[in-house]
Amino acid sequence: MKNVELEIEGDILTIKVDLSKTFGQSASGKSIVIATSEGNQALPGREEKIGLNVYRKQS
């Protein structure tokens, strides 16, 4: 994962992303990647999975 912090307390998942960071252009070149789970990832010690992309439109 890039720029993603996960915290699980009981049945509550908290996701933290630093919106000031970037990781370059998306594959299509239409947006700037801020954070990604890089596909679906298992949550530690859980059955659930997470798939996350945070991006903004290329200016």
PDB file of N, CA and C in Angstrom:
ATOM      1  N   MET A   1       0.838  -1.181   0.000  1.00  0.00           N
ATOM      2  CA  MET A   1       0.000   0.000   0.000  1.00  0.00           C
ATOM      3  C   MET A   1       0.878   1.239   0.000  1.00  0.00           C
ATOM      4  N   LYS A   2       0.394   2.258  -0.650  1.00  0.00           N
ATOM      5  CA  LYS A   2       1.113   3.528  -0.707  1.00  0.00           C
ATOM      6  C   LYS A   2       0.283   4.605  -0.028  1.00  0.00           C
ATOM      7  N   ASN A   3       0.849   5.227   1.000  1.00  0.00           N
ATOM      8  CA  ASN A   3       0.238   6.359   1.693  1.00  0.00           C
ATOM      9  C   ASN A   3      -1.101   5.987   2.328  1.00  0.00           C
ATOM     10  N   VAL A   4      -1.210   4.775   2.843  1.00  0.00           N
ATOM     11  CA  VAL A   4      -2.441   4.308   3.481  1.00  0.00           C
ATOM     12  C   VAL A   4      -2.084   3.707   4.838  1.00  0.00           C
ATOM     13  N   GLU A   5      -2.711   4.209   5.891  1.00  0.00           N
ATOM     14  CA  GLU A   5      -2.577   3.622   7.227  1.00  0.00           C
ATOM     15  C   GLU A   5      -3.918   3.062   7.632  1.00  0.00           C
ATOM     16  N   LEU A   6      -3.929   1.815   8.061  1.00  0.00           N
ATOM     17  CA  LEU A   6      -5.156   1.165   8.501  1.00  0.00           C
ATOM     18  C   LEU A   6      -5.075   0.878   9.987  1.00  0.00           C
ATOM     19  N   GLU A   7      -6.191   1.077  10.674  1.00  0.00           N
ATOM     20  CA  GLU A   7      -6.277   0.737  12.098  1.00  0.00           C
ATOM     21  C   GLU A   7      -7.620   0.059  12.325  1.00  0.00           C
ATOM     22  N   ILE A   8      -7.568  -1.105  12.948  1.00  0.00           N
ATOM     23  CA  ILE A   8      -8.791  -1.839  13.254  1.00  0.00           C
ATOM     24  C   ILE A   8      -8.937  -1.916  14.763  1.00  0.00           C
ATOM     25  N   GLU A   9     -10.073  -1.419  15.258  1.00  0.00           N
ATOM     26  CA  GLU A   9     -10.419  -1.517  16.676  1.00  0.00           C
ATOM     27  C   GLU A   9     -11.773  -2.187  16.754  1.00  0.00           C
ATOM     28  N   GLY A  10     -11.789  -3.433  17.213  1.00  0.00           N
ATOM     29  CA  GLY A  10     -13.044  -4.188  17.233  1.00  0.00           C
ATOM     30  C   GLY A  10     -13.520  -4.389  15.807  1.00  0.00           C
ATOM     31  N   ASP A  11     -14.692  -3.868  15.507  1.00  0.00           N
ATOM     32  CA  ASP A  11     -15.236  -3.981  14.157  1.00  0.00           C
ATOM     33  C   ASP A  11     -15.186  -2.662  13.392  1.00  0.00           C
ATOM     34  N   ILE A  12     -14.354  -1.726  13.838  1.00  0.00           N
ATOM     35  CA  ILE A  12     -14.240  -0.424  13.191  1.00  0.00           C
ATOM     36  C   ILE A  12     -12.889  -0.317  12.480  1.00  0.00           C
ATOM     37  N   LEU A  13     -12.940  -0.046  11.168  1.00  0.00           N
ATOM     38  CA  LEU A  13     -11.739   0.175  10.363  1.00  0.00           C
ATOM     39  C   LEU A  13     -11.577   1.671  10.151  1.00  0.00           C
ATOM     40  N   THR A  14     -10.399   2.198  10.502  1.00  0.00           N
ATOM     41  CA  THR A  14     -10.083   3.604  10.276  1.00  0.00           C
ATOM     42  C   THR A  14      -8.971   3.661   9.238  1.00  0.00           C
ATOM     43  N   ILE A  15      -9.164   4.497   8.220  1.00  0.00           N
ATOM     44  CA  ILE A  15      -8.192   4.652   7.138  1.00  0.00           C
ATOM     45  C   ILE A  15      -7.639   6.069   7.195  1.00  0.00           C
ATOM     46  N   LYS A  16      -6.300   6.193   7.181  1.00  0.00           N
ATOM     47  CA  LYS A  16      -5.660   7.510   7.150  1.00  0.00           C
ATOM     48  C   LYS A  16      -4.862   7.644   5.863  1.00  0.00           C
ATOM     49  N   VAL A  17      -5.051   8.784   5.178  1.00  0.00           N
ATOM     50  CA  VAL A  17      -4.340   9.106   3.947  1.00  0.00           C
ATOM     51  C   VAL A  17      -3.850  10.534   4.053  1.00  0.00           C
ATOM     52  N   ASP A  18      -2.569  10.770   3.768  1.00  0.00           N
ATOM     53  CA  ASP A  18      -2.012  12.119   3.747  1.00  0.00           C
ATOM     54  C   ASP A  18      -2.295  12.710   2.369  1.00  0.00           C
ATOM     55  N   LEU A  19      -3.243  13.640   2.298  1.00  0.00           N
ATOM     56  CA  LEU A  19      -3.662  14.208   1.021  1.00  0.00           C
ATOM     57  C   LEU A  19      -2.633  15.149   0.402  1.00  0.00           C
ATOM     58  N   SER A  20      -1.553  15.464   1.127  1.00  0.00           N
ATOM     59  CA  SER A  20      -0.511  16.334   0.578  1.00  0.00           C
ATOM     60  C   SER A  20       0.507  15.560  -0.258  1.00  0.00           C
ATOM     61  N   LYS A  21       0.499  14.232  -0.188  1.00  0.00           N
ATOM     62  CA  LYS A  21       1.458  13.407  -0.939  1.00  0.00           C
ATOM     63  C   LYS A  21       0.890  13.014  -2.296  1.00  0.00           C
ATOM     64  N   THR A  22       1.793  12.781  -3.252  1.00  0.00           N
ATOM     65  CA  THR A  22       1.392  12.261  -4.562  1.00  0.00           C
ATOM     66  C   THR A  22       2.399  11.206  -5.009  1.00  0.00           C
ATOM     67  N   PHE A  23       1.949  10.344  -5.924  1.00  0.00           N
ATOM     68  CA  PHE A  23       2.801   9.277  -6.442  1.00  0.00           C
ATOM     69  C   PHE A  23       2.811   9.259  -7.958  1.00  0.00           C
ATOM     70  N   GLY A  24       2.638  10.424  -8.570  1.00  0.00           N
ATOM     71  CA  GLY A  24       2.698  10.535 -10.019  1.00  0.00           C
ATOM     72  C   GLY A  24       1.356  10.266 -10.678  1.00  0.00           C
ATOM     73  N   GLN A  25       1.422  10.132 -11.999  1.00  0.00           N
ATOM     74  CA  GLN A  25       0.218   9.952 -12.797  1.00  0.00           C
ATOM     75  C   GLN A  25      -0.327   8.536 -12.686  1.00  0.00           C
ATOM     76  N   SER A  26      -1.629   8.436 -12.908  1.00  0.00           N
ATOM     77  CA  SER A  26      -2.270   7.126 -13.014  1.00  0.00           C
ATOM     78  C   SER A  26      -1.833   6.479 -14.328  1.00  0.00           C
ATOM     79  N   ALA A  27      -2.181   5.228 -14.523  1.00  0.00           N
ATOM     80  CA  ALA A  27      -1.827   4.515 -15.748  1.00  0.00           C
ATOM     81  C   ALA A  27      -2.414   5.200 -16.978  1.00  0.00           C
ATOM     82  N   SER A  28      -3.610   5.764 -16.849  1.00  0.00           N
ATOM     83  CA  SER A  28      -4.252   6.430 -17.985  1.00  0.00           C
ATOM     84  C   SER A  28      -3.681   7.830 -18.226  1.00  0.00           C
ATOM     85  N   GLY A  29      -3.014   8.395 -17.210  1.00  0.00           N
ATOM     86  CA  GLY A  29      -2.475   9.743 -17.322  1.00  0.00           C
ATOM     87  C   GLY A  29      -3.502  10.833 -17.076  1.00  0.00           C
ATOM     88  N   LYS A  30      -4.720  10.456 -16.708  1.00  0.00           N
ATOM     89  CA  LYS A  30      -5.790  11.431 -16.505  1.00  0.00           C
ATOM     90  C   LYS A  30      -5.851  11.967 -15.085  1.00  0.00           C
ATOM     91  N   SER A  31      -5.171  11.325 -14.158  1.00  0.00           N
ATOM     92  CA  SER A  31      -5.254  11.749 -12.758  1.00  0.00           C
ATOM     93  C   SER A  31      -3.915  11.549 -12.048  1.00  0.00           C
ATOM     94  N   ILE A  32      -3.810  12.173 -10.881  1.00  0.00           N
ATOM     95  CA  ILE A  32      -2.627  12.069 -10.025  1.00  0.00           C
ATOM     96  C   ILE A  32      -2.976  11.152  -8.855  1.00  0.00           C
ATOM     97  N   VAL A  33      -2.163  10.139  -8.618  1.00  0.00           N
ATOM     98  CA  VAL A  33      -2.397   9.177  -7.544  1.00  0.00           C
ATOM     99  C   VAL A  33      -1.925   9.773  -6.221  1.00  0.00           C
ATOM    100  N   ILE A  34      -2.804   9.741  -5.220  1.00  0.00           N
ATOM    101  CA  ILE A  34      -2.483  10.226  -3.874  1.00  0.00           C
ATOM    102  C   ILE A  34      -2.243   9.052  -2.936  1.00  0.00           C
ATOM    103  N   ALA A  35      -3.052   8.012  -3.062  1.00  0.00           N
ATOM    104  CA  ALA A  35      -2.895   6.818  -2.214  1.00  0.00           C
ATOM    105  C   ALA A  35      -3.535   5.630  -2.926  1.00  0.00           C
ATOM    106  N   THR A  36      -3.018   4.436  -2.664  1.00  0.00           N
ATOM    107  CA  THR A  36      -3.594   3.237  -3.261  1.00  0.00           C
ATOM    108  C   THR A  36      -3.274   2.013  -2.415  1.00  0.00           C
ATOM    109  N   SER A  37      -4.205   1.082  -2.428  1.00  0.00           N
ATOM    110  CA  SER A  37      -3.944  -0.208  -1.781  1.00  0.00           C
ATOM    111  C   SER A  37      -3.267  -1.157  -2.763  1.00  0.00           C
ATOM    112  N   GLU A  38      -3.086  -0.706  -4.002  1.00  0.00           N
ATOM    113  CA  GLU A  38      -2.468  -1.506  -5.072  1.00  0.00           C
ATOM    114  C   GLU A  38      -3.231  -2.806  -5.287  1.00  0.00           C
ATOM    115  N   GLY A  39      -4.534  -2.664  -5.501  1.00  0.00           N
ATOM    116  CA  GLY A  39      -5.402  -3.826  -5.688  1.00  0.00           C
ATOM    117  C   GLY A  39      -6.097  -4.185  -4.394  1.00  0.00           C
ATOM    118  N   ASN A  40      -6.826  -5.268  -4.411  1.00  0.00           N
ATOM    119  CA  ASN A  40      -7.541  -5.712  -3.215  1.00  0.00           C
ATOM    120  C   ASN A  40      -6.576  -6.409  -2.262  1.00  0.00           C
ATOM    121  N   GLN A  41      -6.598  -5.984  -1.004  1.00  0.00           N
ATOM    122  CA  GLN A  41      -5.691  -6.525   0.014  1.00  0.00           C
ATOM    123  C   GLN A  41      -6.495  -7.022   1.201  1.00  0.00           C
ATOM    124  N   ALA A  42      -6.055  -8.120   1.782  1.00  0.00           N
ATOM    125  CA  ALA A  42      -6.705  -8.647   2.985  1.00  0.00           C
ATOM    126  C   ALA A  42      -6.404  -7.739   4.168  1.00  0.00           C
ATOM    127  N   LEU A  43      -7.392  -7.539   5.012  1.00  0.00           N
ATOM    128  CA  LEU A  43      -7.179  -6.798   6.256  1.00  0.00           C
ATOM    129  C   LEU A  43      -6.517  -7.743   7.256  1.00  0.00           C
ATOM    130  N   PRO A  44      -5.503  -7.279   7.966  1.00  0.00           N
ATOM    131  CA  PRO A  44      -4.772  -8.151   8.896  1.00  0.00           C
ATOM    132  C   PRO A  44      -5.692  -8.805   9.930  1.00  0.00           C
ATOM    133  N   GLY A  45      -5.661 -10.134   9.985  1.00  0.00           N
ATOM    134  CA  GLY A  45      -6.427 -10.870  10.974  1.00  0.00           C
ATOM    135  C   GLY A  45      -7.925 -10.900  10.722  1.00  0.00           C
ATOM    136  N   ARG A  46      -8.364 -10.524   9.508  1.00  0.00           N
ATOM    137  CA  ARG A  46      -9.798 -10.440   9.192  1.00  0.00           C
ATOM    138  C   ARG A  46     -10.084 -11.167   7.880  1.00  0.00           C
ATOM    139  N   GLU A  47     -11.350 -11.458   7.637  1.00  0.00           N
ATOM    140  CA  GLU A  47     -11.771 -12.057   6.373  1.00  0.00           C
ATOM    141  C   GLU A  47     -11.974 -11.005   5.286  1.00  0.00           C
ATOM    142  N   GLU A  48     -12.268  -9.763   5.689  1.00  0.00           N
ATOM    143  CA  GLU A  48     -12.571  -8.692   4.745  1.00  0.00           C
ATOM    144  C   GLU A  48     -11.326  -8.279   3.960  1.00  0.00           C
ATOM    145  N   LYS A  49     -11.597  -7.694   2.800  1.00  0.00           N
ATOM    146  CA  LYS A  49     -10.533  -7.149   1.967  1.00  0.00           C
ATOM    147  C   LYS A  49     -10.827  -5.674   1.706  1.00  0.00           C
ATOM    148  N   ILE A  50      -9.780  -4.938   1.331  1.00  0.00           N
ATOM    149  CA  ILE A  50      -9.936  -3.526   1.005  1.00  0.00           C
ATOM    150  C   ILE A  50      -9.333  -3.267  -0.371  1.00  0.00           C
ATOM    151  N   GLY A  51     -10.021  -2.441  -1.149  1.00  0.00           N
ATOM    152  CA  GLY A  51      -9.525  -1.946  -2.424  1.00  0.00           C
ATOM    153  C   GLY A  51      -9.712  -0.438  -2.408  1.00  0.00           C
ATOM    154  N   LEU A  52      -8.612   0.318  -2.426  1.00  0.00           N
ATOM    155  CA  LEU A  52      -8.696   1.759  -2.227  1.00  0.00           C
ATOM    156  C   LEU A  52      -7.842   2.492  -3.245  1.00  0.00           C
ATOM    157  N   ASN A  53      -8.408   3.528  -3.861  1.00  0.00           N
ATOM    158  CA  ASN A  53      -7.658   4.462  -4.706  1.00  0.00           C
ATOM    159  C   ASN A  53      -8.117   5.869  -4.359  1.00  0.00           C
ATOM    160  N   VAL A  54      -7.165   6.732  -4.061  1.00  0.00           N
ATOM    161  CA  VAL A  54      -7.458   8.147  -3.834  1.00  0.00           C
ATOM    162  C   VAL A  54      -6.666   8.904  -4.893  1.00  0.00           C
ATOM    163  N   TYR A  55      -7.362   9.765  -5.642  1.00  0.00           N
ATOM    164  CA  TYR A  55      -6.702  10.479  -6.740  1.00  0.00           C
ATOM    165  C   TYR A  55      -7.400  11.808  -6.979  1.00  0.00           C
ATOM    166  N   ARG A  56      -6.726  12.660  -7.755  1.00  0.00           N
ATOM    167  CA  ARG A  56      -7.351  13.908  -8.176  1.00  0.00           C
ATOM    168  C   ARG A  56      -7.103  14.092  -9.671  1.00  0.00           C
ATOM    169  N   LYS A  57      -7.993  14.819 -10.285  1.00  0.00           N
ATOM    170  CA  LYS A  57      -7.917  15.055 -11.717  1.00  0.00           C
ATOM    171  C   LYS A  57      -6.632  15.810 -12.064  1.00  0.00           C
ATOM    172  N   GLN A  58      -5.987  15.400 -13.134  1.00  0.00           N
ATOM    173  CA  GLN A  58      -4.779  16.053 -13.634  1.00  0.00           C
ATOM    174  C   GLN A  58      -5.145  17.477 -14.061  1.00  0.00           C
ATOM    175  N   SER A  59      -4.364  18.463 -13.625  1.00  0.00           N
ATOM    176  CA  SER A  59      -4.699  19.840 -14.031  1.00  0.00           C
ATOM    177  C   SER A  59      -3.923  20.288 -15.238  1.00  0.00           C
TER     178      SER A  59
END
